[in-house]
Amino acid sequence: NNCPSLSVERKYYLIQQKTAWLEARTYCRAKYTDLATVDGDEDMTKLQKEAEDHLFSSTAWIGLYNDINSWHWSYENMTLEGWTNWDKNQPDNHYGLEECGVMSLQGLWSDERCTGMKPFLCKVRDSSSSVAEQFVLVIL
């Protein structure tokens, strides 16, 4: 009796847009679900392949933010627990002004000023299934 496993299918798509973190979150919440949460190597591999396919070599906003006390995901205000992928010496909150998270093509996270203009990743929840999920990479 082979039961199909409930795996979360995530895909990455390119759309033209570039903005600051707060506007990116507003955009994702209006059009999709929220800014992306990234919680494992499989997510990183899919993102890197999509980025390479489109010759994308920048950094992109993800749903990471620091509320002074600790890092959280924008989606459902989840605390950052378990798997993380911070770059070396990150987060460093340079000059006390870096409270939003970006991800590089290599999948590494770092903190940056929330006002920076960047492409971003949205989380897309498939309304027909509680497990199907996609990511949209929004770039200029």
C-alpha atoms as a PDB file:
ATOM      1  CA  ASN A   1       0.000   0.000   0.000  1.00  0.00           C
ATOM      2  CA  ASN A   2       1.928   3.014  -1.266  1.00  0.00           C
ATOM      3  CA  CYS A   3       0.639   6.293   0.113  1.00  0.00           C
ATOM      4  CA  PRO A   4       1.993   9.405  -1.632  1.00  0.00           C
ATOM      5  CA  SER A   5       4.171  11.474   0.639  1.00  0.00           C
ATOM      6  CA  LEU A   6       3.006  14.987   1.484  1.00  0.00           C
ATOM      7  CA  SER A   7       5.930  17.003   0.187  1.00  0.00           C
ATOM      8  CA  VAL A   8       5.842  20.731  -0.326  1.00  0.00           C
ATOM      9  CA  GLU A   9       6.393  21.526  -4.012  1.00  0.00           C
ATOM     10  CA  ARG A  10       8.012  24.923  -4.497  1.00  0.00           C
ATOM     11  CA  LYS A  11       8.767  26.626  -7.790  1.00  0.00           C
ATOM     12  CA  TYR A  12      10.357  29.947  -8.634  1.00  0.00           C
ATOM     13  CA  TYR A  13       9.067  32.377 -11.258  1.00  0.00           C
ATOM     14  CA  LEU A  14      10.397  35.712 -12.483  1.00  0.00           C
ATOM     15  CA  ILE A  15       8.306  38.903 -12.536  1.00  0.00           C
ATOM     16  CA  GLN A  16       9.534  42.463 -13.162  1.00  0.00           C
ATOM     17  CA  GLN A  17       9.620  44.582  -9.994  1.00  0.00           C
ATOM     18  CA  LYS A  18      12.162  46.052  -7.554  1.00  0.00           C
ATOM     19  CA  THR A  19      11.399  47.727  -4.235  1.00  0.00           C
ATOM     20  CA  ALA A  20      12.194  48.231  -0.541  1.00  0.00           C
ATOM     21  CA  TRP A  21      11.433  45.445   1.966  1.00  0.00           C
ATOM     22  CA  LEU A  22       8.175  46.845   3.361  1.00  0.00           C
ATOM     23  CA  GLU A  23       6.753  47.498  -0.111  1.00  0.00           C
ATOM     24  CA  ALA A  24       7.897  44.019  -1.162  1.00  0.00           C
ATOM     25  CA  ARG A  25       5.953  42.505   1.744  1.00  0.00           C
ATOM     26  CA  THR A  26       2.876  44.572   0.869  1.00  0.00           C
ATOM     27  CA  TYR A  27       3.121  43.420  -2.769  1.00  0.00           C
ATOM     28  CA  CYS A  28       3.496  39.750  -1.804  1.00  0.00           C
ATOM     29  CA  ARG A  29       0.605  39.883   0.657  1.00  0.00           C
ATOM     30  CA  ALA A  30      -1.659  41.572  -1.890  1.00  0.00           C
ATOM     31  CA  LYS A  31      -0.869  39.335  -4.870  1.00  0.00           C
ATOM     32  CA  TYR A  32       0.279  36.084  -3.249  1.00  0.00           C
ATOM     33  CA  THR A  33       0.636  35.046   0.405  1.00  0.00           C
ATOM     34  CA  ASP A  34       3.664  36.805   1.911  1.00  0.00           C
ATOM     35  CA  LEU A  35       7.407  37.228   1.468  1.00  0.00           C
ATOM     36  CA  ALA A  36       9.132  33.872   1.154  1.00  0.00           C
ATOM     37  CA  THR A  37      10.235  31.676   3.999  1.00  0.00           C
ATOM     38  CA  VAL A  38      13.152  29.390   3.144  1.00  0.00           C
ATOM     39  CA  ASP A  39      13.661  26.380   5.341  1.00  0.00           C
ATOM     40  CA  GLY A  40      15.967  23.873   3.753  1.00  0.00           C
ATOM     41  CA  ASP A  41      18.558  22.889   1.173  1.00  0.00           C
ATOM     42  CA  GLU A  42      15.898  21.710  -1.293  1.00  0.00           C
ATOM     43  CA  ASP A  43      14.430  25.227  -1.424  1.00  0.00           C
ATOM     44  CA  MET A  44      17.886  26.657  -2.005  1.00  0.00           C
ATOM     45  CA  THR A  45      18.647  24.256  -4.859  1.00  0.00           C
ATOM     46  CA  LYS A  46      15.403  25.121  -6.677  1.00  0.00           C
ATOM     47  CA  LEU A  47      15.958  28.844  -6.235  1.00  0.00           C
ATOM     48  CA  GLN A  48      19.545  28.657  -7.465  1.00  0.00           C
ATOM     49  CA  LYS A  49      18.523  26.716 -10.583  1.00  0.00           C
ATOM     50  CA  GLU A  50      15.787  29.211 -11.446  1.00  0.00           C
ATOM     51  CA  ALA A  51      18.127  32.133 -10.841  1.00  0.00           C
ATOM     52  CA  GLU A  52      20.803  30.598 -13.076  1.00  0.00           C
ATOM     53  CA  ASP A  53      18.240  29.889 -15.810  1.00  0.00           C
ATOM     54  CA  HIS A  54      17.396  33.597 -15.872  1.00  0.00           C
ATOM     55  CA  LEU A  55      20.987  34.828 -15.411  1.00  0.00           C
ATOM     56  CA  PHE A  56      19.985  36.378 -12.085  1.00  0.00           C
ATOM     57  CA  SER A  57      23.035  37.209  -9.958  1.00  0.00           C
ATOM     58  CA  SER A  58      21.824  39.703  -7.365  1.00  0.00           C
ATOM     59  CA  THR A  59      20.397  39.407  -3.870  1.00  0.00           C
ATOM     60  CA  ALA A  60      16.662  39.299  -3.170  1.00  0.00           C
ATOM     61  CA  TRP A  61      14.486  40.201  -0.195  1.00  0.00           C
ATOM     62  CA  ILE A  62      13.009  37.287   1.719  1.00  0.00           C
ATOM     63  CA  GLY A  63      10.612  37.413   4.652  1.00  0.00           C
ATOM     64  CA  LEU A  64      13.293  37.835   7.326  1.00  0.00           C
ATOM     65  CA  TYR A  65      13.088  40.818   9.658  1.00  0.00           C
ATOM     66  CA  ASN A  66      14.447  41.773  13.063  1.00  0.00           C
ATOM     67  CA  ASP A  67      11.922  43.160  15.551  1.00  0.00           C
ATOM     68  CA  ILE A  68      14.721  44.399  17.869  1.00  0.00           C
ATOM     69  CA  ASN A  69      14.634  41.263  20.035  1.00  0.00           C
ATOM     70  CA  SER A  70      15.075  38.500  17.450  1.00  0.00           C
ATOM     71  CA  TRP A  71      14.764  37.503  13.796  1.00  0.00           C
ATOM     72  CA  HIS A  72      11.350  36.422  12.519  1.00  0.00           C
ATOM     73  CA  TRP A  73       9.679  35.400   9.282  1.00  0.00           C
ATOM     74  CA  SER A  74       7.112  37.858   7.980  1.00  0.00           C
ATOM     75  CA  TYR A  75       4.714  34.960   7.288  1.00  0.00           C
ATOM     76  CA  GLU A  76       2.614  34.437  10.440  1.00  0.00           C
ATOM     77  CA  ASN A  77       5.365  36.184  12.434  1.00  0.00           C
ATOM     78  CA  MET A  78       7.147  32.862  12.927  1.00  0.00           C
ATOM     79  CA  THR A  79      10.328  32.928  14.974  1.00  0.00           C
ATOM     80  CA  LEU A  80      13.514  31.872  13.236  1.00  0.00           C
ATOM     81  CA  GLU A  81      14.109  28.365  14.502  1.00  0.00           C
ATOM     82  CA  GLY A  82      15.865  25.292  13.177  1.00  0.00           C
ATOM     83  CA  TRP A  83      17.457  25.598   9.733  1.00  0.00           C
ATOM     84  CA  THR A  84      19.158  28.900   8.901  1.00  0.00           C
ATOM     85  CA  ASN A  85      21.616  29.868   6.196  1.00  0.00           C
ATOM     86  CA  TRP A  86      23.335  33.076   7.363  1.00  0.00           C
ATOM     87  CA  ASP A  87      26.478  34.109   5.508  1.00  0.00           C
ATOM     88  CA  LYS A  88      29.742  34.397   7.459  1.00  0.00           C
ATOM     89  CA  ASN A  89      29.592  37.160  10.114  1.00  0.00           C
ATOM     90  CA  GLN A  90      25.875  37.716   9.456  1.00  0.00           C
ATOM     91  CA  PRO A  91      23.611  39.114  10.681  1.00  0.00           C
ATOM     92  CA  ASP A  92      25.763  42.008  11.856  1.00  0.00           C
ATOM     93  CA  ASN A  93      23.231  44.901  12.022  1.00  0.00           C
ATOM     94  CA  HIS A  94      25.854  47.254  10.561  1.00  0.00           C
ATOM     95  CA  TYR A  95      25.568  50.705  12.220  1.00  0.00           C
ATOM     96  CA  GLY A  96      22.382  49.448  13.890  1.00  0.00           C
ATOM     97  CA  LEU A  97      20.480  49.982  10.639  1.00  0.00           C
ATOM     98  CA  GLU A  98      20.122  46.516   9.103  1.00  0.00           C
ATOM     99  CA  GLU A  99      16.873  44.843  10.094  1.00  0.00           C
ATOM    100  CA  CYS A 100      15.676  43.082   6.920  1.00  0.00           C
ATOM    101  CA  GLY A 101      16.954  39.896   5.310  1.00  0.00           C
ATOM    102  CA  VAL A 102      18.190  39.202   1.787  1.00  0.00           C
ATOM    103  CA  MET A 103      19.303  36.004   0.104  1.00  0.00           C
ATOM    104  CA  SER A 104      22.159  35.695  -2.413  1.00  0.00           C
ATOM    105  CA  LEU A 105      22.307  33.493  -5.500  1.00  0.00           C
ATOM    106  CA  GLN A 106      24.364  31.086  -3.377  1.00  0.00           C
ATOM    107  CA  GLY A 107      21.453  30.878  -0.940  1.00  0.00           C
ATOM    108  CA  LEU A 108      23.230  32.714   1.877  1.00  0.00           C
ATOM    109  CA  TRP A 109      21.344  35.212   4.033  1.00  0.00           C
ATOM    110  CA  SER A 110      22.515  38.600   5.233  1.00  0.00           C
ATOM    111  CA  ASP A 111      20.896  41.606   6.865  1.00  0.00           C
ATOM    112  CA  GLU A 112      20.573  44.910   5.032  1.00  0.00           C
ATOM    113  CA  ARG A 113      18.838  48.260   5.368  1.00  0.00           C
ATOM    114  CA  CYS A 114      15.128  47.778   4.759  1.00  0.00           C
ATOM    115  CA  THR A 115      15.053  50.802   2.442  1.00  0.00           C
ATOM    116  CA  GLY A 116      17.324  49.234  -0.180  1.00  0.00           C
ATOM    117  CA  MET A 117      15.759  48.673  -3.603  1.00  0.00           C
ATOM    118  CA  LYS A 118      15.886  44.960  -4.407  1.00  0.00           C
ATOM    119  CA  PRO A 119      14.105  42.172  -6.184  1.00  0.00           C
ATOM    120  CA  PHE A 120      12.208  39.869  -3.861  1.00  0.00           C
ATOM    121  CA  LEU A 121      10.763  36.401  -3.322  1.00  0.00           C
ATOM    122  CA  CYS A 122       7.085  35.838  -2.609  1.00  0.00           C
ATOM    123  CA  LYS A 123       5.508  32.746  -1.112  1.00  0.00           C
ATOM    124  CA  VAL A 124       2.534  31.444  -3.115  1.00  0.00           C
ATOM    125  CA  ARG A 125       0.055  29.179  -1.384  1.00  0.00           C
ATOM    126  CA  ASP A 126      -2.007  26.996  -3.718  1.00  0.00           C
ATOM    127  CA  SER A 127      -5.630  27.431  -2.613  1.00  0.00           C
ATOM    128  CA  SER A 128      -6.549  23.936  -3.830  1.00  0.00           C
ATOM    129  CA  SER A 129      -4.057  22.208  -1.545  1.00  0.00           C
ATOM    130  CA  SER A 130      -2.635  22.839   1.891  1.00  0.00           C
ATOM    131  CA  VAL A 131       0.737  21.413   0.864  1.00  0.00           C
ATOM    132  CA  ALA A 132       1.369  22.755  -2.632  1.00  0.00           C
ATOM    133  CA  GLU A 133       3.436  25.918  -2.434  1.00  0.00           C
ATOM    134  CA  GLN A 134       5.361  28.007  -4.930  1.00  0.00           C
ATOM    135  CA  PHE A 135       7.793  30.892  -4.757  1.00  0.00           C
ATOM    136  CA  VAL A 136       7.743  33.872  -7.078  1.00  0.00           C
ATOM    137  CA  LEU A 137      11.033  35.677  -7.626  1.00  0.00           C
ATOM    138  CA  VAL A 138      10.229  39.297  -8.447  1.00  0.00           C
ATOM    139  CA  ILE A 139      13.106  41.148 -10.105  1.00  0.00           C
ATOM    140  CA  LEU A 140      13.865  44.085 -12.371  1.00  0.00           C
END
